[in-house]
Amino acid sequence: MIVSPCISICKTDPSTGYCYGCARTIEERNIWKQPKTTDEWKMNNLQNIRERLEGWQLKSFNESYEYKIKNGISLFKKKLENE
């Protein structure tokens, strides 16, 4: 199973149409939820996401996504739980 790239920062940039947290479009987020979406499509989408991001945004996304894969929760949600 490929974990969704959502890192719980769900707000769309009006200029680009990309989510500030995961850099996906609304259409891409909907495709991820469909049961028939293939792992191949998801892997390609993850690559596209990483190509959209750069600098601190890419570093932050990678750190939070890796944490989510290992722990089942994003760093953002973890921080909210600890407050």
PDB file of N, CA and C in Angstrom:
ATOM      1  N   MET A   1       0.825  -1.184   0.000  1.00  0.00           N
ATOM      2  CA  MET A   1       0.000   0.000   0.000  1.00  0.00           C
ATOM      3  C   MET A   1       0.869   1.247   0.000  1.00  0.00           C
ATOM      4  N   ILE A   2       0.521   2.190  -0.836  1.00  0.00           N
ATOM      5  CA  ILE A   2       1.246   3.453  -0.904  1.00  0.00           C
ATOM      6  C   ILE A   2       0.469   4.484  -0.094  1.00  0.00           C
ATOM      7  N   VAL A   3       1.137   5.080   0.865  1.00  0.00           N
ATOM      8  CA  VAL A   3       0.516   6.042   1.770  1.00  0.00           C
ATOM      9  C   VAL A   3       0.242   7.353   1.036  1.00  0.00           C
ATOM     10  N   SER A   4      -0.934   7.915   1.295  1.00  0.00           N
ATOM     11  CA  SER A   4      -1.310   9.201   0.708  1.00  0.00           C
ATOM     12  C   SER A   4      -0.291  10.273   1.090  1.00  0.00           C
ATOM     13  N   PRO A   5       0.038  11.170   0.162  1.00  0.00           N
ATOM     14  CA  PRO A   5       0.996  12.226   0.471  1.00  0.00           C
ATOM     15  C   PRO A   5       0.417  13.371   1.303  1.00  0.00           C
ATOM     16  N   CYS A   6      -0.848  13.285   1.679  1.00  0.00           N
ATOM     17  CA  CYS A   6      -1.447  14.333   2.507  1.00  0.00           C
ATOM     18  C   CYS A   6      -0.683  14.443   3.820  1.00  0.00           C
ATOM     19  N   ILE A   7      -0.226  15.656   4.146  1.00  0.00           N
ATOM     20  CA  ILE A   7       0.485  15.863   5.401  1.00  0.00           C
ATOM     21  C   ILE A   7      -0.314  16.796   6.325  1.00  0.00           C
ATOM     22  N   SER A   8      -1.633  16.843   6.103  1.00  0.00           N
ATOM     23  CA  SER A   8      -2.585  17.528   6.984  1.00  0.00           C
ATOM     24  C   SER A   8      -2.478  19.050   6.967  1.00  0.00           C
ATOM     25  N   ILE A   9      -1.958  19.589   5.889  1.00  0.00           N
ATOM     26  CA  ILE A   9      -1.941  21.036   5.696  1.00  0.00           C
ATOM     27  C   ILE A   9      -2.718  21.286   4.405  1.00  0.00           C
ATOM     28  N   CYS A  10      -4.017  21.279   4.509  1.00  0.00           N
ATOM     29  CA  CYS A  10      -4.905  21.240   3.350  1.00  0.00           C
ATOM     30  C   CYS A  10      -5.448  22.624   3.013  1.00  0.00           C
ATOM     31  N   LYS A  11      -4.714  23.307   2.195  1.00  0.00           N
ATOM     32  CA  LYS A  11      -5.114  24.638   1.733  1.00  0.00           C
ATOM     33  C   LYS A  11      -4.555  24.796   0.323  1.00  0.00           C
ATOM     34  N   THR A  12      -5.398  25.181  -0.614  1.00  0.00           N
ATOM     35  CA  THR A  12      -4.983  25.275  -2.007  1.00  0.00           C
ATOM     36  C   THR A  12      -4.514  26.679  -2.355  1.00  0.00           C
ATOM     37  N   ASP A  13      -3.358  26.761  -2.988  1.00  0.00           N
ATOM     38  CA  ASP A  13      -2.829  28.028  -3.481  1.00  0.00           C
ATOM     39  C   ASP A  13      -3.682  28.480  -4.661  1.00  0.00           C
ATOM     40  N   PRO A  14      -4.278  29.660  -4.596  1.00  0.00           N
ATOM     41  CA  PRO A  14      -5.154  30.107  -5.676  1.00  0.00           C
ATOM     42  C   PRO A  14      -4.423  30.367  -6.993  1.00  0.00           C
ATOM     43  N   SER A  15      -3.136  30.623  -6.933  1.00  0.00           N
ATOM     44  CA  SER A  15      -2.370  30.891  -8.156  1.00  0.00           C
ATOM     45  C   SER A  15      -2.003  29.628  -8.915  1.00  0.00           C
ATOM     46  N   THR A  16      -1.540  28.615  -8.179  1.00  0.00           N
ATOM     47  CA  THR A  16      -1.054  27.390  -8.833  1.00  0.00           C
ATOM     48  C   THR A  16      -2.095  26.279  -8.863  1.00  0.00           C
ATOM     49  N   GLY A  17      -3.024  26.301  -7.907  1.00  0.00           N
ATOM     50  CA  GLY A  17      -3.986  25.215  -7.782  1.00  0.00           C
ATOM     51  C   GLY A  17      -3.433  24.029  -7.019  1.00  0.00           C
ATOM     52  N   TYR A  18      -2.222  24.170  -6.446  1.00  0.00           N
ATOM     53  CA  TYR A  18      -1.591  23.106  -5.681  1.00  0.00           C
ATOM     54  C   TYR A  18      -1.837  23.307  -4.186  1.00  0.00           C
ATOM     55  N   CYS A  19      -1.987  22.202  -3.486  1.00  0.00           N
ATOM     56  CA  CYS A  19      -2.117  22.244  -2.038  1.00  0.00           C
ATOM     57  C   CYS A  19      -0.791  22.721  -1.439  1.00  0.00           C
ATOM     58  N   TYR A  20      -0.866  23.602  -0.457  1.00  0.00           N
ATOM     59  CA  TYR A  20       0.350  24.081   0.202  1.00  0.00           C
ATOM     60  C   TYR A  20       1.098  22.959   0.913  1.00  0.00           C
ATOM     61  N   GLY A  21       0.384  21.953   1.395  1.00  0.00           N
ATOM     62  CA  GLY A  21       1.025  20.862   2.129  1.00  0.00           C
ATOM     63  C   GLY A  21       1.610  19.792   1.247  1.00  0.00           C
ATOM     64  N   CYS A  22       0.787  19.251   0.326  1.00  0.00           N
ATOM     65  CA  CYS A  22       1.229  18.086  -0.450  1.00  0.00           C
ATOM     66  C   CYS A  22       1.473  18.383  -1.931  1.00  0.00           C
ATOM     67  N   ALA A  23       1.190  19.589  -2.370  1.00  0.00           N
ATOM     68  CA  ALA A  23       1.434  20.011  -3.758  1.00  0.00           C
ATOM     69  C   ALA A  23       0.584  19.275  -4.787  1.00  0.00           C
ATOM     70  N   ARG A  24      -0.543  18.689  -4.341  1.00  0.00           N
ATOM     71  CA  ARG A  24      -1.441  18.039  -5.293  1.00  0.00           C
ATOM     72  C   ARG A  24      -2.563  18.989  -5.694  1.00  0.00           C
ATOM     73  N   THR A  25      -3.112  18.749  -6.877  1.00  0.00           N
ATOM     74  CA  THR A  25      -4.300  19.469  -7.304  1.00  0.00           C
ATOM     75  C   THR A  25      -5.530  18.814  -6.677  1.00  0.00           C
ATOM     76  N   ILE A  26      -6.656  19.477  -6.745  1.00  0.00           N
ATOM     77  CA  ILE A  26      -7.893  18.882  -6.236  1.00  0.00           C
ATOM     78  C   ILE A  26      -8.199  17.596  -6.998  1.00  0.00           C
ATOM     79  N   GLU A  27      -7.987  17.613  -8.310  1.00  0.00           N
ATOM     80  CA  GLU A  27      -8.224  16.413  -9.117  1.00  0.00           C
ATOM     81  C   GLU A  27      -7.335  15.259  -8.661  1.00  0.00           C
ATOM     82  N   GLU A  28      -6.055  15.542  -8.421  1.00  0.00           N
ATOM     83  CA  GLU A  28      -5.136  14.488  -7.960  1.00  0.00           C
ATOM     84  C   GLU A  28      -5.556  13.941  -6.598  1.00  0.00           C
ATOM     85  N   ARG A  29      -6.001  14.805  -5.714  1.00  0.00           N
ATOM     86  CA  ARG A  29      -6.461  14.335  -4.398  1.00  0.00           C
ATOM     87  C   ARG A  29      -7.654  13.397  -4.560  1.00  0.00           C
ATOM     88  N   ASN A  30      -8.562  13.728  -5.474  1.00  0.00           N
ATOM     89  CA  ASN A  30      -9.722  12.868  -5.722  1.00  0.00           C
ATOM     90  C   ASN A  30      -9.312  11.525  -6.322  1.00  0.00           C
ATOM     91  N   ILE A  31      -8.355  11.535  -7.242  1.00  0.00           N
ATOM     92  CA  ILE A  31      -7.886  10.297  -7.867  1.00  0.00           C
ATOM     93  C   ILE A  31      -7.276   9.370  -6.810  1.00  0.00           C
ATOM     94  N   TRP A  32      -6.519   9.915  -5.854  1.00  0.00           N
ATOM     95  CA  TRP A  32      -5.914   9.098  -4.794  1.00  0.00           C
ATOM     96  C   TRP A  32      -6.967   8.326  -4.032  1.00  0.00           C
ATOM     97  N   LYS A  33      -8.154   8.890  -3.856  1.00  0.00           N
ATOM     98  CA  LYS A  33      -9.217   8.268  -3.046  1.00  0.00           C
ATOM     99  C   LYS A  33      -9.948   7.145  -3.778  1.00  0.00           C
ATOM    100  N   GLN A  34      -9.822   7.078  -5.093  1.00  0.00           N
ATOM    101  CA  GLN A  34     -10.553   6.076  -5.866  1.00  0.00           C
ATOM    102  C   GLN A  34      -9.911   4.696  -5.694  1.00  0.00           C
ATOM    103  N   PRO A  35     -10.718   3.687  -5.382  1.00  0.00           N
ATOM    104  CA  PRO A  35     -10.176   2.338  -5.148  1.00  0.00           C
ATOM    105  C   PRO A  35      -9.439   1.756  -6.355  1.00  0.00           C
ATOM    106  N   LYS A  36      -9.797   2.152  -7.550  1.00  0.00           N
ATOM    107  CA  LYS A  36      -9.159   1.562  -8.735  1.00  0.00           C
ATOM    108  C   LYS A  36      -7.869   2.282  -9.149  1.00  0.00           C
ATOM    109  N   THR A  37      -7.456   3.306  -8.413  1.00  0.00           N
ATOM    110  CA  THR A  37      -6.214   4.004  -8.737  1.00  0.00           C
ATOM    111  C   THR A  37      -5.030   3.075  -8.491  1.00  0.00           C
ATOM    112  N   THR A  38      -4.182   2.937  -9.494  1.00  0.00           N
ATOM    113  CA  THR A  38      -3.072   1.986  -9.420  1.00  0.00           C
ATOM    114  C   THR A  38      -1.890   2.532  -8.608  1.00  0.00           C
ATOM    115  N   ASP A  39      -1.097   1.612  -8.085  1.00  0.00           N
ATOM    116  CA  ASP A  39       0.125   2.002  -7.386  1.00  0.00           C
ATOM    117  C   ASP A  39       1.079   2.722  -8.339  1.00  0.00           C
ATOM    118  N   GLU A  40       1.076   2.314  -9.588  1.00  0.00           N
ATOM    119  CA  GLU A  40       1.935   2.976 -10.584  1.00  0.00           C
ATOM    120  C   GLU A  40       1.563   4.454 -10.709  1.00  0.00           C
ATOM    121  N   TRP A  41       0.260   4.750 -10.786  1.00  0.00           N
ATOM    122  CA  TRP A  41      -0.184   6.142 -10.888  1.00  0.00           C
ATOM    123  C   TRP A  41       0.251   6.909  -9.640  1.00  0.00           C
ATOM    124  N   LYS A  42       0.077   6.286  -8.468  1.00  0.00           N
ATOM    125  CA  LYS A  42       0.433   6.945  -7.214  1.00  0.00           C
ATOM    126  C   LYS A  42       1.932   7.242  -7.144  1.00  0.00           C
ATOM    127  N   MET A  43       2.756   6.296  -7.556  1.00  0.00           N
ATOM    128  CA  MET A  43       4.211   6.519  -7.552  1.00  0.00           C
ATOM    129  C   MET A  43       4.594   7.647  -8.507  1.00  0.00           C
ATOM    130  N   ASN A  44       3.965   7.670  -9.681  1.00  0.00           N
ATOM    131  CA  ASN A  44       4.226   8.755 -10.634  1.00  0.00           C
ATOM    132  C   ASN A  44       3.782  10.094 -10.067  1.00  0.00           C
ATOM    133  N   ASN A  45       2.644  10.095  -9.374  1.00  0.00           N
ATOM    134  CA  ASN A  45       2.154  11.334  -8.783  1.00  0.00           C
ATOM    135  C   ASN A  45       3.095  11.830  -7.686  1.00  0.00           C
ATOM    136  N   LEU A  46       3.622  10.908  -6.876  1.00  0.00           N
ATOM    137  CA  LEU A  46       4.587  11.295  -5.850  1.00  0.00           C
ATOM    138  C   LEU A  46       5.829  11.937  -6.473  1.00  0.00           C
ATOM    139  N   GLN A  47       6.264  11.392  -7.593  1.00  0.00           N
ATOM    140  CA  GLN A  47       7.414  11.982  -8.303  1.00  0.00           C
ATOM    141  C   GLN A  47       7.063  13.379  -8.807  1.00  0.00           C
ATOM    142  N   ASN A  48       5.872  13.537  -9.370  1.00  0.00           N
ATOM    143  CA  ASN A  48       5.431  14.853  -9.852  1.00  0.00           C
ATOM    144  C   ASN A  48       5.374  15.861  -8.711  1.00  0.00           C
ATOM    145  N   ILE A  49       4.880  15.423  -7.556  1.00  0.00           N
ATOM    146  CA  ILE A  49       4.809  16.301  -6.383  1.00  0.00           C
ATOM    147  C   ILE A  49       6.200  16.796  -6.021  1.00  0.00           C
ATOM    148  N   ARG A  50       7.147  15.884  -5.946  1.00  0.00           N
ATOM    149  CA  ARG A  50       8.515  16.267  -5.564  1.00  0.00           C
ATOM    150  C   ARG A  50       9.148  17.203  -6.597  1.00  0.00           C
ATOM    151  N   GLU A  51       8.757  17.080  -7.846  1.00  0.00           N
ATOM    152  CA  GLU A  51       9.280  17.978  -8.876  1.00  0.00           C
ATOM    153  C   GLU A  51       8.657  19.377  -8.777  1.00  0.00           C
ATOM    154  N   ARG A  52       7.463  19.471  -8.220  1.00  0.00           N
ATOM    155  CA  ARG A  52       6.797  20.774  -8.051  1.00  0.00           C
ATOM    156  C   ARG A  52       7.398  21.565  -6.897  1.00  0.00           C
ATOM    157  N   LEU A  53       7.912  20.857  -5.908  1.00  0.00           N
ATOM    158  CA  LEU A  53       8.442  21.494  -4.717  1.00  0.00           C
ATOM    159  C   LEU A  53       9.940  21.711  -4.853  1.00  0.00           C
ATOM    160  N   GLU A  54      10.431  22.673  -4.091  1.00  0.00           N
ATOM    161  CA  GLU A  54      11.880  22.893  -4.071  1.00  0.00           C
ATOM    162  C   GLU A  54      12.269  23.505  -2.737  1.00  0.00           C
ATOM    163  N   GLY A  55      13.548  23.505  -2.469  1.00  0.00           N
ATOM    164  CA  GLY A  55      14.072  24.134  -1.257  1.00  0.00           C
ATOM    165  C   GLY A  55      13.438  23.598   0.014  1.00  0.00           C
ATOM    166  N   TRP A  56      13.120  24.513   0.917  1.00  0.00           N
ATOM    167  CA  TRP A  56      12.585  24.137   2.226  1.00  0.00           C
ATOM    168  C   TRP A  56      11.247  23.423   2.114  1.00  0.00           C
ATOM    169  N   GLN A  57      10.447  23.752   1.077  1.00  0.00           N
ATOM    170  CA  GLN A  57       9.155  23.077   0.922  1.00  0.00           C
ATOM    171  C   GLN A  57       9.346  21.590   0.628  1.00  0.00           C
ATOM    172  N   LEU A  58      10.267  21.269  -0.253  1.00  0.00           N
ATOM    173  CA  LEU A  58      10.554  19.871  -0.570  1.00  0.00           C
ATOM    174  C   LEU A  58      11.111  19.147   0.654  1.00  0.00           C
ATOM    175  N   LYS A  59      12.040  19.785   1.355  1.00  0.00           N
ATOM    176  CA  LYS A  59      12.620  19.188   2.556  1.00  0.00           C
ATOM    177  C   LYS A  59      11.538  18.927   3.604  1.00  0.00           C
ATOM    178  N   SER A  60      10.669  19.901   3.818  1.00  0.00           N
ATOM    179  CA  SER A  60       9.596  19.763   4.798  1.00  0.00           C
ATOM    180  C   SER A  60       8.609  18.668   4.403  1.00  0.00           C
ATOM    181  N   PHE A  61       8.230  18.631   3.118  1.00  0.00           N
ATOM    182  CA  PHE A  61       7.316  17.592   2.647  1.00  0.00           C
ATOM    183  C   PHE A  61       7.931  16.215   2.851  1.00  0.00           C
ATOM    184  N   ASN A  62       9.172  16.039   2.404  1.00  0.00           N
ATOM    185  CA  ASN A  62       9.834  14.733   2.528  1.00  0.00           C
ATOM    186  C   ASN A  62       9.922  14.287   3.982  1.00  0.00           C
ATOM    187  N   GLU A  63      10.270  15.199   4.877  1.00  0.00           N
ATOM    188  CA  GLU A  63      10.385  14.863   6.296  1.00  0.00           C
ATOM    189  C   GLU A  63       9.029  14.437   6.866  1.00  0.00           C
ATOM    190  N   SER A  64       7.989  15.203   6.568  1.00  0.00           N
ATOM    191  CA  SER A  64       6.662  14.889   7.102  1.00  0.00           C
ATOM    192  C   SER A  64       6.095  13.614   6.481  1.00  0.00           C
ATOM    193  N   TYR A  65       6.299  13.428   5.180  1.00  0.00           N
ATOM    194  CA  TYR A  65       5.786  12.235   4.509  1.00  0.00           C
ATOM    195  C   TYR A  65       6.479  10.975   5.027  1.00  0.00           C
ATOM    196  N   GLU A  66       7.784  11.026   5.189  1.00  0.00           N
ATOM    197  CA  GLU A  66       8.519   9.874   5.727  1.00  0.00           C
ATOM    198  C   GLU A  66       8.063   9.562   7.148  1.00  0.00           C
ATOM    199  N   TYR A  67       7.828  10.592   7.944  1.00  0.00           N
ATOM    200  CA  TYR A  67       7.338  10.391   9.301  1.00  0.00           C
ATOM    201  C   TYR A  67       5.965   9.722   9.271  1.00  0.00           C
ATOM    202  N   LYS A  68       5.104  10.186   8.365  1.00  0.00           N
ATOM    203  CA  LYS A  68       3.763   9.613   8.240  1.00  0.00           C
ATOM    204  C   LYS A  68       3.833   8.145   7.835  1.00  0.00           C
ATOM    205  N   ILE A  69       4.705   7.806   6.916  1.00  0.00           N
ATOM    206  CA  ILE A  69       4.858   6.412   6.480  1.00  0.00           C
ATOM    207  C   ILE A  69       5.267   5.531   7.670  1.00  0.00           C
ATOM    208  N   LYS A  70       6.210   6.004   8.477  1.00  0.00           N
ATOM    209  CA  LYS A  70       6.728   5.205   9.593  1.00  0.00           C
ATOM    210  C   LYS A  70       5.792   5.168  10.787  1.00  0.00           C
ATOM    211  N   ASN A  71       5.039   6.272  11.014  1.00  0.00           N
ATOM    212  CA  ASN A  71       4.278   6.398  12.251  1.00  0.00           C
ATOM    213  C   ASN A  71       2.765   6.487  12.071  1.00  0.00           C
ATOM    214  N   GLY A  72       2.306   6.576  10.829  1.00  0.00           N
ATOM    215  CA  GLY A  72       0.873   6.600  10.567  1.00  0.00           C
ATOM    216  C   GLY A  72       0.196   7.929  10.827  1.00  0.00           C
ATOM    217  N   ILE A  73       0.979   8.961  11.094  1.00  0.00           N
ATOM    218  CA  ILE A  73       0.435  10.286  11.371  1.00  0.00           C
ATOM    219  C   ILE A  73       1.433  11.328  10.873  1.00  0.00           C
ATOM    220  N   SER A  74       0.924  12.436  10.385  1.00  0.00           N
ATOM    221  CA  SER A  74       1.823  13.484   9.900  1.00  0.00           C
ATOM    222  C   SER A  74       2.437  14.238  11.071  1.00  0.00           C
ATOM    223  N   LEU A  75       3.541  14.898  10.832  1.00  0.00           N
ATOM    224  CA  LEU A  75       4.178  15.716  11.870  1.00  0.00           C
ATOM    225  C   LEU A  75       3.241  16.823  12.343  1.00  0.00           C
ATOM    226  N   PHE A  76       2.455  17.378  11.438  1.00  0.00           N
ATOM    227  CA  PHE A  76       1.516  18.440  11.781  1.00  0.00           C
ATOM    228  C   PHE A  76       0.481  17.935  12.788  1.00  0.00           C
ATOM    229  N   LYS A  77      -0.101  16.767  12.526  1.00  0.00           N
ATOM    230  CA  LYS A  77      -1.080  16.202  13.460  1.00  0.00           C
ATOM    231  C   LYS A  77      -0.422  15.828  14.782  1.00  0.00           C
ATOM    232  N   LYS A  78       0.808  15.332  14.733  1.00  0.00           N
ATOM    233  CA  LYS A  78       1.527  14.997  15.963  1.00  0.00           C
ATOM    234  C   LYS A  78       1.700  16.240  16.820  1.00  0.00           C
ATOM    235  N   LYS A  79       2.069  17.338  16.190  1.00  0.00           N
ATOM    236  CA  LYS A  79       2.257  18.588  16.924  1.00  0.00           C
ATOM    237  C   LYS A  79       0.937  19.033  17.560  1.00  0.00           C
ATOM    238  N   LEU A  80      -0.160  18.913  16.837  1.00  0.00           N
ATOM    239  CA  LEU A  80      -1.460  19.293  17.379  1.00  0.00           C
ATOM    240  C   LEU A  80      -1.824  18.444  18.596  1.00  0.00           C
ATOM    241  N   GLU A  81      -1.488  17.164  18.547  1.00  0.00           N
ATOM    242  CA  GLU A  81      -1.768  16.272  19.668  1.00  0.00           C
ATOM    243  C   GLU A  81      -0.974  16.646  20.911  1.00  0.00           C
ATOM    244  N   ASN A  82       0.219  17.189  20.704  1.00  0.00           N
ATOM    245  CA  ASN A  82       1.102  17.518  21.819  1.00  0.00           C
ATOM    246  C   ASN A  82       0.850  18.896  22.400  1.00  0.00           C
ATOM    247  N   GLU A  83      -0.037  19.648  21.802  1.00  0.00           N
ATOM    248  CA  GLU A  83      -0.324  21.001  22.315  1.00  0.00           C
ATOM    249  C   GLU A  83      -1.376  20.979  23.379  1.00  0.00           C
TER     250      GLU A  83
END
